[in-house]
Amino acid sequence: MTTSAPAGYHTLTPRIFVEDVAGMVDFLRATFDATGDLQLSRPSEIRIGDSLLMVSGTEFRGAMPACLYVYVDDLDATYRRALDGGAVTMEEPDDTPYGDRRAMVRDRWDNLWQIATRQHPS
C-alpha cells in the first residue's frame, strides 16, 4: 500500500478539536515533552516522540476529544506531570499482564490518555 501523506506524517494521524488550543499545546509540552508550535490559522502540529498529533480549535467544528495510548520512557514521572497540568486520574499506575506499566488520565478537554511504559514483552 502506498501513502500520499506529507513528509513527517504517518498514514494515520490523530486530530483533536479543543477549546483553548494554546492551553492544550502547553499541556502536551509540559506532560509529554512535546514539540511543535501553536498555530492559529491551521492545525497545530505537535510531536510526541515519533508521532504527530494535530490540535485544532472549535471555530468550525465542535469539540472532539479522543482516547490516545502513549508510550513514554517513565510512566510515573509523566503521570505526575499530567496531574500537575490539571488532568485527573482515571486509573492509577499499575502493571498489566501484557507487559506495560500503565495509567489513565482525563485532561480538562475530556481527552483520555492511557500512558504506558513497556516493561517486558508479553
C-alpha atoms as a PDB file:
ATOM      1  CA  MET A   1       0.000   0.000   0.000  1.00  0.00           C
ATOM      2  CA  THR A   2       1.348   3.404  -0.860  1.00  0.00           C
ATOM      3  CA  THR A   3       0.548   6.549   1.015  1.00  0.00           C
ATOM      4  CA  SER A   4       0.309  10.120  -0.126  1.00  0.00           C
ATOM      5  CA  ALA A   5       0.929  11.515   3.352  1.00  0.00           C
ATOM      6  CA  PRO A   6       3.172  14.577   3.511  1.00  0.00           C
ATOM      7  CA  ALA A   7       6.713  14.238   4.816  1.00  0.00           C
ATOM      8  CA  GLY A   8       6.756  13.741   8.567  1.00  0.00           C
ATOM      9  CA  TYR A   9       3.237  12.334   8.735  1.00  0.00           C
ATOM     10  CA  HIS A  10       2.195   8.715   9.143  1.00  0.00           C
ATOM     11  CA  THR A  11      -0.672   7.149   7.194  1.00  0.00           C
ATOM     12  CA  LEU A  12      -2.933   7.679  10.224  1.00  0.00           C
ATOM     13  CA  THR A  13      -2.654  10.998  12.042  1.00  0.00           C
ATOM     14  CA  PRO A  14      -4.905  11.684  15.040  1.00  0.00           C
ATOM     15  CA  ARG A  15      -6.543  15.108  15.273  1.00  0.00           C
ATOM     16  CA  ILE A  16      -8.401  16.544  18.234  1.00  0.00           C
ATOM     17  CA  PHE A  17     -10.594  19.645  18.402  1.00  0.00           C
ATOM     18  CA  VAL A  18     -10.468  21.623  21.634  1.00  0.00           C
ATOM     19  CA  GLU A  19     -11.363  24.983  23.018  1.00  0.00           C
ATOM     20  CA  ASP A  20      -8.169  26.740  24.127  1.00  0.00           C
ATOM     21  CA  VAL A  21      -5.678  25.255  21.688  1.00  0.00           C
ATOM     22  CA  ALA A  22      -2.873  27.210  23.383  1.00  0.00           C
ATOM     23  CA  GLY A  23      -3.693  25.562  26.713  1.00  0.00           C
ATOM     24  CA  MET A  24      -3.717  22.106  25.121  1.00  0.00           C
ATOM     25  CA  VAL A  25      -0.369  22.726  23.431  1.00  0.00           C
ATOM     26  CA  ASP A  26       1.094  23.864  26.766  1.00  0.00           C
ATOM     27  CA  PHE A  27      -0.305  20.726  28.469  1.00  0.00           C
ATOM     28  CA  LEU A  28       1.233  18.472  25.799  1.00  0.00           C
ATOM     29  CA  ARG A  29       4.612  20.181  26.054  1.00  0.00           C
ATOM     30  CA  ALA A  30       4.693  20.000  29.844  1.00  0.00           C
ATOM     31  CA  THR A  31       3.353  16.446  30.140  1.00  0.00           C
ATOM     32  CA  PHE A  32       4.933  14.648  27.187  1.00  0.00           C
ATOM     33  CA  ASP A  33       7.895  16.902  26.302  1.00  0.00           C
ATOM     34  CA  ALA A  34       6.049  17.520  23.042  1.00  0.00           C
ATOM     35  CA  THR A  35       7.415  19.818  20.373  1.00  0.00           C
ATOM     36  CA  GLY A  36       5.710  21.977  17.802  1.00  0.00           C
ATOM     37  CA  ASP A  37       4.368  25.466  17.514  1.00  0.00           C
ATOM     38  CA  LEU A  38       0.957  26.840  18.263  1.00  0.00           C
ATOM     39  CA  GLN A  39      -0.809  27.717  15.018  1.00  0.00           C
ATOM     40  CA  LEU A  40      -3.894  29.889  14.941  1.00  0.00           C
ATOM     41  CA  SER A  41      -4.775  29.715  11.232  1.00  0.00           C
ATOM     42  CA  ARG A  42      -4.371  25.959  10.811  1.00  0.00           C
ATOM     43  CA  PRO A  43      -3.997  22.847  12.986  1.00  0.00           C
ATOM     44  CA  SER A  44      -1.082  22.903  15.401  1.00  0.00           C
ATOM     45  CA  GLU A  45       1.241  20.018  14.542  1.00  0.00           C
ATOM     46  CA  ILE A  46       2.519  18.649  17.823  1.00  0.00           C
ATOM     47  CA  ARG A  47       5.087  15.854  18.030  1.00  0.00           C
ATOM     48  CA  ILE A  48       5.122  13.424  20.914  1.00  0.00           C
ATOM     49  CA  GLY A  49       8.087  11.114  20.425  1.00  0.00           C
ATOM     50  CA  ASP A  50       7.939   9.898  16.832  1.00  0.00           C
ATOM     51  CA  SER A  51       4.217  10.640  16.437  1.00  0.00           C
ATOM     52  CA  LEU A  52       2.278  13.622  15.216  1.00  0.00           C
ATOM     53  CA  LEU A  53      -0.932  14.917  16.793  1.00  0.00           C
ATOM     54  CA  MET A  54      -2.925  17.653  15.097  1.00  0.00           C
ATOM     55  CA  VAL A  55      -4.664  20.039  17.511  1.00  0.00           C
ATOM     56  CA  SER A  56      -7.385  22.336  16.203  1.00  0.00           C
ATOM     57  CA  GLY A  57      -9.807  24.819  17.679  1.00  0.00           C
ATOM     58  CA  THR A  58     -13.575  24.520  17.711  1.00  0.00           C
ATOM     59  CA  GLU A  59     -14.357  27.502  15.477  1.00  0.00           C
ATOM     60  CA  PHE A  60     -15.630  25.349  12.596  1.00  0.00           C
ATOM     61  CA  ARG A  61     -16.317  22.041  14.366  1.00  0.00           C
ATOM     62  CA  GLY A  62     -17.386  21.131  17.853  1.00  0.00           C
ATOM     63  CA  ALA A  63     -15.019  19.769  20.454  1.00  0.00           C
ATOM     64  CA  MET A  64     -13.916  16.274  19.558  1.00  0.00           C
ATOM     65  CA  PRO A  65     -11.914  14.571  22.294  1.00  0.00           C
ATOM     66  CA  ALA A  66     -10.037  11.313  21.838  1.00  0.00           C
ATOM     67  CA  CYS A  67      -8.598   8.371  23.719  1.00  0.00           C
ATOM     68  CA  LEU A  68      -4.897   8.095  22.954  1.00  0.00           C
ATOM     69  CA  TYR A  69      -2.361   5.464  24.064  1.00  0.00           C
ATOM     70  CA  VAL A  70       1.089   6.978  24.533  1.00  0.00           C
ATOM     71  CA  TYR A  71       4.311   5.099  25.253  1.00  0.00           C
ATOM     72  CA  VAL A  72       6.812   7.058  27.349  1.00  0.00           C
ATOM     73  CA  ASP A  73      10.167   6.288  28.959  1.00  0.00           C
ATOM     74  CA  ASP A  74       8.938   6.884  32.518  1.00  0.00           C
ATOM     75  CA  LEU A  75       5.237   6.364  33.172  1.00  0.00           C
ATOM     76  CA  ASP A  76       5.316   7.545  36.767  1.00  0.00           C
ATOM     77  CA  ALA A  77       7.037  10.853  36.003  1.00  0.00           C
ATOM     78  CA  THR A  78       4.767  11.513  33.005  1.00  0.00           C
ATOM     79  CA  TYR A  79       1.683  10.642  35.055  1.00  0.00           C
ATOM     80  CA  ARG A  80       2.721  13.148  37.747  1.00  0.00           C
ATOM     81  CA  ARG A  81       3.295  15.856  35.131  1.00  0.00           C
ATOM     82  CA  ALA A  82      -0.171  15.188  33.667  1.00  0.00           C
ATOM     83  CA  LEU A  83      -1.751  15.588  37.115  1.00  0.00           C
ATOM     84  CA  ASP A  84       0.302  18.745  37.726  1.00  0.00           C
ATOM     85  CA  GLY A  85      -1.119  20.027  34.424  1.00  0.00           C
ATOM     86  CA  GLY A  86      -4.698  19.611  35.616  1.00  0.00           C
ATOM     87  CA  ALA A  87      -5.517  16.085  34.444  1.00  0.00           C
ATOM     88  CA  VAL A  88      -7.472  13.785  36.747  1.00  0.00           C
ATOM     89  CA  THR A  89      -6.797  10.133  37.425  1.00  0.00           C
ATOM     90  CA  MET A  90      -8.971   7.549  35.732  1.00  0.00           C
ATOM     91  CA  GLU A  91      -6.643   4.618  36.527  1.00  0.00           C
ATOM     92  CA  GLU A  92      -3.695   4.677  38.907  1.00  0.00           C
ATOM     93  CA  PRO A  93      -0.344   3.427  37.599  1.00  0.00           C
ATOM     94  CA  ASP A  94      -0.303  -0.367  37.582  1.00  0.00           C
ATOM     95  CA  ASP A  95       1.467  -3.259  35.909  1.00  0.00           C
ATOM     96  CA  THR A  96      -0.579  -5.025  33.233  1.00  0.00           C
ATOM     97  CA  PRO A  97      -0.399  -8.733  32.368  1.00  0.00           C
ATOM     98  CA  TYR A  98       0.705  -7.838  28.819  1.00  0.00           C
ATOM     99  CA  GLY A  99       3.929  -6.114  29.848  1.00  0.00           C
ATOM    100  CA  ASP A 100       3.020  -2.428  30.127  1.00  0.00           C
ATOM    101  CA  ARG A 101       3.083  -0.300  33.251  1.00  0.00           C
ATOM    102  CA  ARG A 102       0.083   1.903  32.543  1.00  0.00           C
ATOM    103  CA  ALA A 103      -2.128   4.657  33.946  1.00  0.00           C
ATOM    104  CA  MET A 104      -5.017   6.654  32.512  1.00  0.00           C
ATOM    105  CA  VAL A 105      -5.863  10.326  32.978  1.00  0.00           C
ATOM    106  CA  ARG A 106      -8.519  12.675  31.636  1.00  0.00           C
ATOM    107  CA  ASP A 107      -7.353  16.151  30.696  1.00  0.00           C
ATOM    108  CA  ARG A 108      -9.514  19.255  31.093  1.00  0.00           C
ATOM    109  CA  TRP A 109     -10.590  18.968  27.432  1.00  0.00           C
ATOM    110  CA  ASP A 110     -12.061  15.476  28.082  1.00  0.00           C
ATOM    111  CA  ASN A 111      -9.327  13.577  26.243  1.00  0.00           C
ATOM    112  CA  LEU A 112      -8.346  10.264  27.786  1.00  0.00           C
ATOM    113  CA  TRP A 113      -4.646   9.493  27.854  1.00  0.00           C
ATOM    114  CA  GLN A 114      -3.506   5.957  28.520  1.00  0.00           C
ATOM    115  CA  ILE A 115       0.146   6.461  29.375  1.00  0.00           C
ATOM    116  CA  ALA A 116       2.418   3.427  29.376  1.00  0.00           C
ATOM    117  CA  THR A 117       5.985   2.256  29.706  1.00  0.00           C
ATOM    118  CA  ARG A 118       6.817  -1.109  28.196  1.00  0.00           C
ATOM    119  CA  GLN A 119       8.371  -3.267  30.902  1.00  0.00           C
ATOM    120  CA  HIS A 120       8.784  -6.597  29.129  1.00  0.00           C
ATOM    121  CA  PRO A 121       7.343  -8.420  26.130  1.00  0.00           C
ATOM    122  CA  SER A 122       4.070 -10.257  26.600  1.00  0.00           C
END
